Amino acid sequence: MDIRSLLMGLAFAFAWSSAFTSARIIVSEAPPLAALSLRFLLSGVIAVSIALALGQTWRLTRAQWKATIVFGICQNALYLGLFFSAMTRIEASLASIIASTMPLLVAFASWSILGERLSRMAVVGLAVGFSGTVLIMGSRFSGGIDPIGFVYCIIGVAGLATATLVMRNASTGGNVMMIVGLQMFVGSAVLAVVSLLIGENLEVSPSESVMWAFAYTVIVPGVMATFVWFKLVDRIGATRAATFHFLNPFLGVAVAWFFLGETLGPLDIIGVIVISVGILTVQLARQPEFKT
C-alpha cells in the first residue's frame, strides 16, 4: 500500500468516526431525520456541482444507478437515519462502537449467506471482534442504556452491511463524485418523507455550536469522506480499504470523549481494543496472502 492510499485511509477513518460526535451535537437541538435530510440535500448539491465542473455526467449505467439507489436507501436513509435517531437516546461513543462492527457483520454474512470460505484466521478475528462487542454491551447495559436506541443502531448497522455486500463489486466507472451526490439526493428524499410522516417538529432555533456541527457534517463526513472512500476502494480494492475500519472504534470513542466529555470506563477501553483487533484480523485474513 502506497503512502497516498495510507493517508486517504486515515483521513476517511477520522472523518467517518467524527461524524457521530457532530451528529450527537446536532440532534441535541434539531429533529434528527429532518436535519439529516437537509444535510444530504446540501451535500448532494455540493457534490453534483463539483461533478459537473469535472465534466462528469448523470447519465449513469444500470450498475451505477443500482449503486446510487442502494447506497441512498440502505446507507443514508436506513443506516444514518436510525443512528441519528438513536443518538437522541444514547451516547455518540456507543453508537460509533456499534457502527464499527460493520466489517465483522459483512464477513459473517459473506460466510453464512453467500457461502464465502473463511480462513482460520478470519474465524478467530470474528470471534475476537464479537467478544469485544459483547464485553462493551454488557458493561453499558449494566450501567443503564436505552434499549430503543440500541435496537436502532443494530438495525442501522445491518443496513450498512447490506449495502456493502450488495455493492462490493460495483464500479463507479469514473463517475465518482456524481454518484456520491446523487445517492445523497436519494437519502434526502426518503428521509424527508419519513420525517413528515412521523410529524417531527421543524421549528428549530439552533445554537452556534449546532450550526458549526451541521456545517462540518455536511462538508467533511457528508462529501469528503464519501468521495475519499469511493476513490480508496477504486485504488486498492474493497477488502484492503475496509482494513481502515479497525481504527473507527478508537477514533469514534476518542473524539466523543474529547469534544463531548463522554464517560469512558475501563471495560469500554478493553472492548474497543478487542473489537479493533478482531476487525483488523478479519480484514487481513481476507487478503490473498493470508488465505488458507
Protein backbone atom coordinates (compact mmCIF):
# COMPACT_ATOMS: atom_id res chain seq x y z
CA MET A 1 0.00 0.00 0.00
CA ASP A 2 1.49 3.35 -1.05
CA ILE A 3 1.65 6.45 1.13
CA ARG A 4 -1.20 8.18 -0.72
CA SER A 5 -3.55 5.27 -0.07
CA LEU A 6 -2.48 5.23 3.57
CA LEU A 7 -3.24 8.94 4.01
CA MET A 8 -6.59 8.54 2.24
CA GLY A 9 -7.49 5.68 4.56
CA LEU A 10 -6.54 7.62 7.68
CA ALA A 11 -8.49 10.69 6.51
CA PHE A 12 -11.57 8.56 5.83
CA ALA A 13 -11.35 6.81 9.21
CA PHE A 14 -11.17 10.11 11.11
CA ALA A 15 -13.98 11.75 9.11
CA TRP A 16 -16.21 8.69 9.47
CA SER A 17 -15.55 8.39 13.20
CA SER A 18 -16.02 12.09 13.96
CA ALA A 19 -19.46 12.10 12.33
CA PHE A 20 -21.01 10.52 15.43
CA THR A 21 -19.89 13.36 17.65
CA SER A 22 -21.12 16.07 15.29
CA ALA A 23 -24.42 14.18 14.89
CA ARG A 24 -24.84 14.00 18.66
CA ILE A 25 -24.45 17.78 18.86
CA ILE A 26 -26.99 18.33 16.07
CA VAL A 27 -29.73 16.06 17.43
CA SER A 28 -29.49 17.69 20.86
CA GLU A 29 -31.46 20.61 19.39
CA ALA A 30 -32.79 19.58 15.97
CA PRO A 31 -35.17 16.83 14.75
CA PRO A 32 -32.84 14.01 13.63
CA LEU A 33 -34.43 12.90 10.35
CA ALA A 34 -35.21 16.41 9.10
CA ALA A 35 -31.70 17.58 9.97
CA LEU A 36 -30.17 14.58 8.20
CA SER A 37 -32.39 15.10 5.15
CA LEU A 38 -31.24 18.71 4.91
CA ARG A 39 -27.63 17.62 5.36
CA PHE A 40 -27.90 15.19 2.44
CA LEU A 41 -29.63 17.78 0.28
CA LEU A 42 -26.87 20.33 0.81
CA SER A 43 -24.10 17.74 0.50
CA GLY A 44 -25.71 16.45 -2.68
CA VAL A 45 -25.85 19.91 -4.23
CA ILE A 46 -22.16 20.44 -3.45
CA ALA A 47 -21.13 17.02 -4.78
CA VAL A 48 -23.16 17.25 -8.01
CA SER A 49 -21.89 20.79 -8.65
CA ILE A 50 -18.30 19.56 -8.30
CA ALA A 51 -19.08 16.56 -10.53
CA LEU A 52 -20.49 18.77 -13.29
CA ALA A 53 -17.47 21.07 -13.05
CA LEU A 54 -15.28 17.98 -13.51
CA GLY A 55 -17.21 17.00 -16.62
CA GLN A 56 -19.00 14.03 -15.06
CA THR A 57 -22.50 13.09 -16.21
CA TRP A 58 -25.70 11.89 -14.57
CA ARG A 59 -26.32 9.54 -17.48
CA LEU A 60 -25.37 6.52 -15.41
CA THR A 61 -25.21 2.85 -16.35
CA ARG A 62 -27.66 0.38 -14.84
CA ALA A 63 -24.98 -0.78 -12.37
CA GLN A 64 -24.24 2.81 -11.37
CA TRP A 65 -27.92 3.57 -10.78
CA LYS A 66 -28.14 0.41 -8.70
CA ALA A 67 -25.22 1.62 -6.60
CA THR A 68 -26.81 5.04 -6.26
CA ILE A 69 -30.20 3.74 -5.12
CA VAL A 70 -28.87 1.01 -2.81
CA PHE A 71 -26.44 3.36 -1.07
CA GLY A 72 -29.03 6.13 -0.91
CA ILE A 73 -31.60 3.93 0.82
CA CYS A 74 -29.51 1.48 2.86
CA GLN A 75 -26.56 3.66 3.84
CA ASN A 76 -28.03 7.15 4.02
CA ALA A 77 -31.70 6.70 4.90
CA LEU A 78 -31.67 3.43 6.87
CA TYR A 79 -28.23 3.38 8.50
CA LEU A 80 -27.69 7.07 9.20
CA GLY A 81 -31.39 7.81 9.75
CA LEU A 82 -31.57 5.22 12.50
CA PHE A 83 -28.24 6.26 14.01
CA PHE A 84 -29.25 9.94 14.12
CA SER A 85 -32.48 8.91 15.84
CA ALA A 86 -30.57 6.63 18.21
CA MET A 87 -28.27 9.43 19.30
CA THR A 88 -31.18 11.27 20.84
CA ARG A 89 -31.15 8.35 23.30
CA ILE A 90 -27.58 7.02 23.55
CA GLU A 91 -24.06 8.44 23.57
CA ALA A 92 -22.04 9.06 20.42
CA SER A 93 -19.24 6.77 21.63
CA LEU A 94 -21.59 3.78 21.92
CA ALA A 95 -23.11 4.49 18.51
CA SER A 96 -19.65 4.63 16.92
CA ILE A 97 -18.66 1.32 18.55
CA ILE A 98 -21.77 -0.45 17.22
CA ALA A 99 -21.26 1.03 13.74
CA SER A 100 -17.64 -0.14 13.81
CA THR A 101 -18.77 -3.76 13.84
CA MET A 102 -19.88 -3.45 10.20
CA PRO A 103 -16.79 -5.24 8.75
CA LEU A 104 -17.43 -8.12 11.15
CA LEU A 105 -21.06 -8.35 10.03
CA VAL A 106 -20.03 -8.26 6.37
CA ALA A 107 -17.53 -11.07 6.88
CA PHE A 108 -20.05 -13.15 8.84
CA ALA A 109 -22.80 -12.62 6.25
CA SER A 110 -20.39 -13.41 3.40
CA TRP A 111 -19.75 -16.79 5.05
CA SER A 112 -23.24 -17.64 6.33
CA ILE A 113 -25.33 -16.30 3.43
CA LEU A 114 -23.08 -16.07 0.38
CA GLY A 115 -21.02 -19.17 1.12
CA GLU A 116 -17.65 -17.41 1.14
CA ARG A 117 -14.91 -19.60 2.62
CA LEU A 118 -13.28 -18.12 5.69
CA SER A 119 -9.76 -18.94 6.78
CA ARG A 120 -8.97 -19.96 10.35
CA MET A 121 -7.52 -16.51 10.91
CA ALA A 122 -10.80 -14.88 9.80
CA VAL A 123 -12.84 -17.10 12.11
CA VAL A 124 -10.59 -16.13 15.03
CA GLY A 125 -10.96 -12.47 14.09
CA LEU A 126 -14.76 -12.75 14.05
CA ALA A 127 -14.79 -14.43 17.45
CA VAL A 128 -12.45 -11.81 18.92
CA GLY A 129 -14.38 -8.88 17.43
CA PHE A 130 -17.79 -10.06 18.60
CA SER A 131 -16.44 -10.87 22.07
CA GLY A 132 -15.30 -7.25 22.36
CA THR A 133 -18.77 -6.10 21.37
CA VAL A 134 -20.38 -8.36 23.99
CA LEU A 135 -17.98 -7.03 26.62
CA ILE A 136 -18.93 -3.41 25.93
CA MET A 137 -22.65 -4.13 25.63
CA GLY A 138 -22.61 -6.00 28.95
CA SER A 139 -20.87 -3.07 30.61
CA ARG A 140 -23.23 -0.49 29.12
CA PHE A 141 -26.42 -2.43 29.85
CA SER A 142 -25.41 -2.94 33.47
CA GLY A 143 -24.89 0.81 33.76
CA GLY A 144 -28.19 1.61 32.06
CA ILE A 145 -28.73 2.06 28.33
CA ASP A 146 -31.79 2.98 26.29
CA PRO A 147 -32.89 -0.27 24.58
CA ILE A 148 -34.71 1.52 21.75
CA GLY A 149 -31.61 3.49 20.82
CA PHE A 150 -29.60 0.28 20.93
CA VAL A 151 -32.06 -1.52 18.61
CA TYR A 152 -31.99 1.43 16.19
CA CYS A 153 -28.20 1.07 15.95
CA ILE A 154 -28.34 -2.69 15.40
CA ILE A 155 -30.85 -2.34 12.54
CA GLY A 156 -28.88 0.59 11.13
CA VAL A 157 -25.53 -1.20 11.02
CA ALA A 158 -27.27 -4.21 9.43
CA GLY A 159 -28.48 -1.86 6.69
CA LEU A 160 -24.95 -0.57 6.16
CA ALA A 161 -23.58 -4.11 5.98
CA THR A 162 -26.28 -4.98 3.42
CA ALA A 163 -25.32 -2.02 1.24
CA THR A 164 -21.66 -3.02 1.46
CA LEU A 165 -22.41 -6.63 0.47
CA VAL A 166 -24.61 -5.67 -2.45
CA MET A 167 -22.19 -3.10 -3.85
CA ARG A 168 -18.81 -4.64 -3.02
CA ASN A 169 -18.10 -5.48 -6.67
CA ALA A 170 -19.69 -2.38 -8.19
CA SER A 171 -17.67 0.05 -10.27
CA THR A 172 -18.20 3.80 -10.36
CA GLY A 173 -16.88 3.96 -13.91
CA GLY A 174 -15.11 7.25 -13.27
CA ASN A 175 -18.33 8.98 -12.19
CA VAL A 176 -17.36 9.01 -8.53
CA MET A 177 -18.46 12.47 -7.44
CA MET A 178 -21.71 12.35 -9.41
CA ILE A 179 -22.69 9.05 -7.76
CA VAL A 180 -21.73 10.49 -4.37
CA GLY A 181 -24.08 13.43 -4.96
CA LEU A 182 -27.00 11.51 -6.44
CA GLN A 183 -27.06 8.88 -3.70
CA MET A 184 -27.30 11.72 -1.20
CA PHE A 185 -30.37 13.07 -3.02
CA VAL A 186 -31.96 9.61 -2.73
CA GLY A 187 -31.30 9.53 1.01
CA SER A 188 -32.54 13.09 1.44
CA ALA A 189 -35.84 12.38 -0.32
CA VAL A 190 -36.54 9.21 1.67
CA LEU A 191 -35.72 10.87 5.00
CA ALA A 192 -37.83 13.95 4.19
CA VAL A 193 -40.88 11.77 3.57
CA VAL A 194 -40.36 9.77 6.77
CA SER A 195 -39.79 12.96 8.78
CA LEU A 196 -43.12 14.36 7.60
CA LEU A 197 -44.95 11.08 8.20
CA ILE A 198 -43.81 10.83 11.82
CA GLY A 199 -44.53 14.52 12.44
CA GLU A 200 -41.12 15.81 13.51
CA ASN A 201 -41.15 19.31 14.96
CA LEU A 202 -39.46 21.50 12.35
CA GLU A 203 -39.48 24.73 14.40
CA VAL A 204 -35.82 24.95 15.44
CA SER A 205 -33.59 27.82 16.61
CA PRO A 206 -30.18 26.13 16.60
CA SER A 207 -27.27 27.41 18.68
CA GLU A 208 -23.92 28.39 17.23
CA SER A 209 -22.39 25.04 18.19
CA VAL A 210 -25.14 23.18 16.34
CA MET A 211 -24.64 25.34 13.25
CA TRP A 212 -20.90 24.60 13.23
CA ALA A 213 -21.54 20.89 13.78
CA PHE A 214 -24.04 20.89 10.93
CA ALA A 215 -21.64 22.65 8.54
CA TYR A 216 -18.90 20.19 9.47
CA THR A 217 -21.23 17.23 8.94
CA VAL A 218 -22.30 18.48 5.51
CA ILE A 219 -18.76 19.03 4.22
CA VAL A 220 -16.46 16.53 5.94
CA PRO A 221 -18.39 13.28 6.62
CA GLY A 222 -21.02 14.24 4.03
CA VAL A 223 -18.98 14.97 0.90
CA MET A 224 -15.28 14.47 1.59
CA ALA A 225 -15.42 11.13 3.44
CA THR A 226 -17.77 9.54 0.90
CA PHE A 227 -15.66 10.74 -2.01
CA VAL A 228 -12.43 9.51 -0.39
CA TRP A 229 -14.00 6.12 0.33
CA PHE A 230 -15.08 5.58 -3.28
CA LYS A 231 -11.65 6.64 -4.55
CA LEU A 232 -9.87 4.46 -2.00
CA VAL A 233 -11.92 1.40 -3.00
CA ASP A 234 -11.17 2.09 -6.67
CA ARG A 235 -7.48 2.46 -5.81
CA ILE A 236 -6.77 -0.53 -3.55
CA GLY A 237 -9.96 -2.61 -3.57
CA ALA A 238 -12.80 -3.01 -1.07
CA THR A 239 -11.08 -5.59 1.15
CA ARG A 240 -7.89 -3.61 1.65
CA ALA A 241 -9.83 -0.35 2.07
CA ALA A 242 -12.04 -1.94 4.74
CA THR A 243 -8.91 -2.57 6.83
CA PHE A 244 -9.04 1.08 7.89
CA HIS A 245 -12.30 0.39 9.73
CA PHE A 246 -10.23 -1.12 12.55
CA LEU A 247 -9.37 2.48 13.52
CA ASN A 248 -13.00 3.51 13.89
CA PRO A 249 -13.66 2.20 17.41
CA PHE A 250 -10.58 4.05 18.71
CA LEU A 251 -11.28 7.29 16.87
CA GLY A 252 -15.03 7.33 17.47
CA VAL A 253 -14.64 6.93 21.23
CA ALA A 254 -11.68 9.35 21.42
CA VAL A 255 -13.46 12.15 19.53
CA ALA A 256 -16.63 11.77 21.63
CA TRP A 257 -14.56 11.83 24.84
CA PHE A 258 -12.56 14.89 23.75
CA PHE A 259 -15.39 17.07 22.43
CA LEU A 260 -18.40 15.86 24.42
CA GLY A 261 -16.76 14.68 27.63
CA GLU A 262 -18.48 11.30 27.42
CA THR A 263 -17.54 8.81 30.11
CA LEU A 264 -15.12 6.08 29.12
CA GLY A 265 -14.80 3.15 31.51
CA PRO A 266 -12.03 0.53 31.63
CA LEU A 267 -14.27 -2.15 30.10
CA ASP A 268 -15.05 0.22 27.23
CA ILE A 269 -11.35 0.70 26.55
CA ILE A 270 -10.66 -3.04 26.66
CA GLY A 271 -13.67 -3.74 24.45
CA VAL A 272 -12.63 -1.13 21.87
CA ILE A 273 -9.16 -2.67 21.67
CA VAL A 274 -10.60 -6.18 21.30
CA ILE A 275 -13.04 -5.10 18.56
CA SER A 276 -10.28 -3.29 16.67
CA VAL A 277 -8.02 -6.34 16.81
CA GLY A 278 -10.88 -8.51 15.58
CA ILE A 279 -11.67 -6.20 12.65
CA LEU A 280 -8.02 -5.98 11.64
CA THR A 281 -7.60 -9.76 11.88
CA VAL A 282 -10.66 -10.41 9.70
CA GLN A 283 -9.59 -7.93 7.06
CA LEU A 284 -6.00 -9.18 6.95
CA ALA A 285 -7.26 -12.76 6.70
CA ARG A 286 -9.27 -11.86 3.60
CA GLN A 287 -6.18 -10.62 1.77
CA PRO A 288 -4.83 -13.20 -0.71
CA GLU A 289 -1.51 -13.70 1.06
CA PHE A 290 -3.29 -14.68 4.31
CA LYS A 291 -5.81 -17.12 2.89
CA THR A 292 -5.56 -20.77 3.92
